[in-house]
Each structure stands twice: as structure tokens, then as C-alpha cells.
Amino acid sequence: MTLRGIDPALRSALEAQAAKLGMSLNAVILQVLRSSLGLARAVEISHDLDALAGAWSRDEAQEFAAAIREFEEIDPSLWQPRPDAP
């Protein structure tokens, strides 16, 4: 399926919503379509862990990001074909 005739204002609004929600543009469009057609899935929000939830300070968030940075690196050797692979 292809959508045509998306004006710049609509595209901008969709892209802004996708960025805000951390979703793909496609996922946002599907969500908007489902919602507008009354097909939105009901999501029950659990509050069981609310008392444990908190917010990191900027320093804590940066420290955490620095601590896990190495896990974001890709080891090219892991993507090389193995000689014994069929």
C-alpha cells in the first residue's frame, strides 16, 4: 500500500509524533489509522511498579550511557562467514 498526497504539514506532524513516541513513521501511521477507525487496541496500564520508578539525573543518565557504550559496538568478526558453515 502506498500513500500519496501527504502534504508537508501532515508529514511534519507525523514525523514529530514518531520522534516523540520513539516509534517508526510506519507504526505511527498505523496507530493513527487504527485509532481513527475505532480499531485501537485497548492497553491496560499496570501500576504495580510505580513506587519503584524514578528519574535519573542528567549525570546519572550520562554515566549509564557511558557504561553501556561498549555494548553498542559491533564486532565485525562476528559477522564473517565461518569456514565450517554449510
N, C-alpha and C. Protein backbone atom coordinates (compact mmCIF):
# COMPACT_ATOMS: atom_id res chain seq x y z
N MET A 1 0.85 -1.16 0.00
CA MET A 1 0.00 0.00 0.00
C MET A 1 0.91 1.24 0.00
N THR A 2 0.54 2.20 -0.78
CA THR A 2 1.29 3.44 -0.86
C THR A 2 0.36 4.60 -0.56
N LEU A 3 0.83 5.55 0.21
CA LEU A 3 0.06 6.76 0.48
C LEU A 3 0.62 7.88 -0.37
N ARG A 4 -0.28 8.58 -1.06
CA ARG A 4 0.13 9.72 -1.89
C ARG A 4 -0.60 10.95 -1.39
N GLY A 5 -0.08 12.10 -1.73
CA GLY A 5 -0.76 13.34 -1.41
C GLY A 5 -0.55 13.79 0.03
N ILE A 6 0.51 13.32 0.65
CA ILE A 6 0.81 13.76 2.02
C ILE A 6 1.49 15.11 1.94
N ASP A 7 0.81 16.13 2.42
CA ASP A 7 1.38 17.47 2.35
C ASP A 7 2.47 17.64 3.41
N PRO A 8 3.32 18.64 3.25
CA PRO A 8 4.43 18.84 4.19
C PRO A 8 4.01 18.99 5.65
N ALA A 9 2.89 19.66 5.90
CA ALA A 9 2.44 19.84 7.28
C ALA A 9 2.05 18.52 7.91
N LEU A 10 1.36 17.66 7.16
CA LEU A 10 0.97 16.36 7.67
C LEU A 10 2.20 15.49 7.91
N ARG A 11 3.10 15.49 6.96
CA ARG A 11 4.33 14.70 7.11
C ARG A 11 5.11 15.16 8.34
N SER A 12 5.22 16.45 8.51
CA SER A 12 5.94 17.01 9.64
C SER A 12 5.29 16.59 10.96
N ALA A 13 3.96 16.65 11.01
CA ALA A 13 3.24 16.26 12.23
C ALA A 13 3.43 14.78 12.53
N LEU A 14 3.38 13.94 11.50
CA LEU A 14 3.58 12.51 11.69
C LEU A 14 5.00 12.21 12.16
N GLU A 15 5.98 12.88 11.55
CA GLU A 15 7.38 12.68 11.94
C GLU A 15 7.62 13.16 13.37
N ALA A 16 6.99 14.26 13.74
CA ALA A 16 7.14 14.77 15.10
C ALA A 16 6.54 13.80 16.10
N GLN A 17 5.39 13.23 15.78
CA GLN A 17 4.75 12.25 16.67
C GLN A 17 5.61 11.00 16.78
N ALA A 18 6.18 10.56 15.67
CA ALA A 18 7.05 9.38 15.69
C ALA A 18 8.26 9.62 16.58
N ALA A 19 8.87 10.78 16.45
CA ALA A 19 10.03 11.12 17.28
C ALA A 19 9.64 11.21 18.75
N LYS A 20 8.52 11.82 19.01
CA LYS A 20 8.05 11.98 20.40
C LYS A 20 7.81 10.63 21.07
N LEU A 21 7.24 9.70 20.33
CA LEU A 21 6.90 8.39 20.87
C LEU A 21 8.02 7.37 20.71
N GLY A 22 9.07 7.73 19.97
CA GLY A 22 10.15 6.79 19.72
C GLY A 22 9.71 5.62 18.85
N MET A 23 8.82 5.92 17.92
CA MET A 23 8.27 4.90 17.03
C MET A 23 8.68 5.20 15.59
N SER A 24 8.53 4.20 14.74
CA SER A 24 8.78 4.43 13.33
C SER A 24 7.61 5.21 12.74
N LEU A 25 7.86 5.86 11.63
CA LEU A 25 6.81 6.61 10.94
C LEU A 25 5.67 5.66 10.55
N ASN A 26 6.01 4.48 10.08
CA ASN A 26 5.01 3.49 9.70
C ASN A 26 4.14 3.11 10.89
N ALA A 27 4.75 2.88 12.06
CA ALA A 27 4.00 2.49 13.24
C ALA A 27 3.04 3.60 13.68
N VAL A 28 3.48 4.84 13.57
CA VAL A 28 2.62 5.96 13.95
C VAL A 28 1.43 6.06 13.00
N ILE A 29 1.68 5.91 11.71
CA ILE A 29 0.60 5.97 10.74
C ILE A 29 -0.42 4.86 11.00
N LEU A 30 0.05 3.64 11.29
CA LEU A 30 -0.86 2.55 11.60
C LEU A 30 -1.66 2.85 12.87
N GLN A 31 -1.00 3.42 13.87
CA GLN A 31 -1.68 3.77 15.11
C GLN A 31 -2.78 4.81 14.86
N VAL A 32 -2.47 5.83 14.07
CA VAL A 32 -3.45 6.87 13.76
C VAL A 32 -4.63 6.29 12.99
N LEU A 33 -4.34 5.44 12.02
CA LEU A 33 -5.42 4.81 11.24
C LEU A 33 -6.30 3.95 12.13
N ARG A 34 -5.69 3.09 12.95
CA ARG A 34 -6.48 2.23 13.84
C ARG A 34 -7.35 3.06 14.78
N SER A 35 -6.75 4.08 15.36
CA SER A 35 -7.48 4.93 16.30
C SER A 35 -8.65 5.63 15.63
N SER A 36 -8.41 6.19 14.44
CA SER A 36 -9.46 6.94 13.77
C SER A 36 -10.60 6.05 13.27
N LEU A 37 -10.31 4.77 13.09
CA LEU A 37 -11.33 3.83 12.63
C LEU A 37 -11.95 3.03 13.78
N GLY A 38 -11.58 3.37 15.00
CA GLY A 38 -12.13 2.67 16.15
C GLY A 38 -11.56 1.28 16.34
N LEU A 39 -10.38 1.04 15.79
CA LEU A 39 -9.77 -0.28 15.89
C LEU A 39 -8.58 -0.30 16.85
N ALA A 40 -8.42 0.78 17.61
CA ALA A 40 -7.28 0.85 18.52
C ALA A 40 -7.39 -0.25 19.56
N ARG A 41 -6.26 -0.85 19.84
CA ARG A 41 -6.21 -1.91 20.84
C ARG A 41 -6.24 -1.28 22.23
N ALA A 42 -7.08 -1.82 23.07
CA ALA A 42 -7.13 -1.33 24.45
C ALA A 42 -5.91 -1.84 25.19
N VAL A 43 -5.19 -0.94 25.80
CA VAL A 43 -4.00 -1.30 26.55
C VAL A 43 -4.24 -0.96 28.02
N GLU A 44 -4.13 -1.96 28.83
CA GLU A 44 -4.30 -1.73 30.26
C GLU A 44 -2.93 -1.43 30.85
N ILE A 45 -2.82 -0.32 31.51
CA ILE A 45 -1.56 0.09 32.10
C ILE A 45 -1.49 -0.41 33.53
N SER A 46 -0.42 -1.12 33.82
CA SER A 46 -0.22 -1.65 35.17
C SER A 46 0.54 -0.62 35.99
N HIS A 47 0.18 -0.52 37.25
CA HIS A 47 0.84 0.42 38.14
C HIS A 47 1.57 -0.30 39.27
N ASP A 48 1.83 -1.58 39.09
CA ASP A 48 2.45 -2.39 40.14
C ASP A 48 3.81 -1.88 40.58
N LEU A 49 4.58 -1.34 39.66
CA LEU A 49 5.95 -0.94 39.98
C LEU A 49 6.12 0.58 40.09
N ASP A 50 5.03 1.29 40.15
CA ASP A 50 5.11 2.76 40.20
C ASP A 50 5.98 3.26 41.36
N ALA A 51 5.88 2.60 42.51
CA ALA A 51 6.64 3.05 43.68
C ALA A 51 8.14 2.91 43.47
N LEU A 52 8.54 2.00 42.56
CA LEU A 52 9.96 1.79 42.31
C LEU A 52 10.51 2.67 41.19
N ALA A 53 9.62 3.25 40.43
CA ALA A 53 10.04 4.04 39.28
C ALA A 53 10.58 5.39 39.75
N GLY A 54 11.56 5.86 39.04
CA GLY A 54 12.13 7.16 39.37
C GLY A 54 12.73 7.78 38.13
N ALA A 55 13.42 8.84 38.31
CA ALA A 55 14.04 9.52 37.17
C ALA A 55 15.51 9.73 37.49
N TRP A 56 16.33 9.51 36.50
CA TRP A 56 17.76 9.73 36.66
C TRP A 56 18.07 11.20 36.45
N SER A 57 19.09 11.64 37.12
CA SER A 57 19.60 12.97 36.85
C SER A 57 20.35 12.91 35.52
N ARG A 58 20.66 14.05 34.97
CA ARG A 58 21.40 14.08 33.70
C ARG A 58 22.75 13.37 33.87
N ASP A 59 23.40 13.61 35.01
CA ASP A 59 24.70 12.97 35.26
C ASP A 59 24.57 11.45 35.34
N GLU A 60 23.53 10.97 36.03
CA GLU A 60 23.32 9.53 36.14
C GLU A 60 23.03 8.91 34.78
N ALA A 61 22.24 9.58 33.96
CA ALA A 61 21.92 9.08 32.62
C ALA A 61 23.18 9.03 31.77
N GLN A 62 24.02 10.06 31.85
CA GLN A 62 25.26 10.08 31.07
C GLN A 62 26.22 9.00 31.55
N GLU A 63 26.27 8.79 32.86
CA GLU A 63 27.14 7.75 33.41
C GLU A 63 26.70 6.37 32.94
N PHE A 64 25.39 6.13 32.94
CA PHE A 64 24.86 4.86 32.48
C PHE A 64 25.15 4.66 30.99
N ALA A 65 24.91 5.71 30.19
CA ALA A 65 25.17 5.63 28.75
C ALA A 65 26.64 5.31 28.49
N ALA A 66 27.53 5.93 29.25
CA ALA A 66 28.96 5.67 29.08
C ALA A 66 29.29 4.23 29.46
N ALA A 67 28.64 3.72 30.51
CA ALA A 67 28.91 2.37 30.98
C ALA A 67 28.48 1.30 29.98
N ILE A 68 27.44 1.56 29.21
CA ILE A 68 26.95 0.55 28.26
C ILE A 68 27.39 0.81 26.82
N ARG A 69 28.16 1.87 26.61
CA ARG A 69 28.57 2.24 25.25
C ARG A 69 29.26 1.10 24.53
N GLU A 70 30.10 0.34 25.24
CA GLU A 70 30.83 -0.75 24.59
C GLU A 70 29.89 -1.83 24.04
N PHE A 71 28.70 -1.94 24.62
CA PHE A 71 27.75 -2.95 24.14
C PHE A 71 27.11 -2.54 22.81
N GLU A 72 27.26 -1.29 22.43
CA GLU A 72 26.70 -0.81 21.17
C GLU A 72 27.67 -1.00 20.00
N GLU A 73 28.92 -1.36 20.33
CA GLU A 73 29.92 -1.56 19.28
C GLU A 73 29.71 -2.92 18.62
N ILE A 74 29.87 -2.92 17.32
CA ILE A 74 29.69 -4.15 16.55
C ILE A 74 31.06 -4.75 16.28
N ASP A 75 31.19 -6.03 16.59
CA ASP A 75 32.44 -6.74 16.33
C ASP A 75 32.33 -7.35 14.93
N PRO A 76 33.04 -6.78 13.95
CA PRO A 76 32.93 -7.27 12.57
C PRO A 76 33.26 -8.75 12.43
N SER A 77 34.12 -9.27 13.30
CA SER A 77 34.49 -10.69 13.19
C SER A 77 33.30 -11.61 13.43
N LEU A 78 32.30 -11.13 14.18
CA LEU A 78 31.13 -11.97 14.45
C LEU A 78 30.23 -12.10 13.21
N TRP A 79 30.46 -11.26 12.22
CA TRP A 79 29.63 -11.28 11.03
C TRP A 79 30.33 -11.88 9.82
N GLN A 80 31.49 -12.47 10.05
CA GLN A 80 32.24 -13.11 8.97
C GLN A 80 31.75 -14.56 8.85
N PRO A 81 31.65 -15.05 7.62
CA PRO A 81 31.22 -16.44 7.45
C PRO A 81 32.25 -17.38 8.10
N ARG A 82 31.72 -18.41 8.75
CA ARG A 82 32.61 -19.41 9.35
C ARG A 82 33.04 -20.38 8.28
N PRO A 83 34.31 -20.78 8.31
CA PRO A 83 34.79 -21.72 7.28
C PRO A 83 34.09 -23.07 7.35
N ASP A 84 33.61 -23.47 8.52
CA ASP A 84 32.97 -24.76 8.65
C ASP A 84 31.46 -24.70 8.47
N ALA A 85 30.91 -23.53 8.16
CA ALA A 85 29.48 -23.40 7.95
C ALA A 85 29.08 -23.95 6.59
N PRO A 86 27.91 -24.58 6.54
CA PRO A 86 27.46 -25.15 5.24
C PRO A 86 27.13 -24.09 4.22
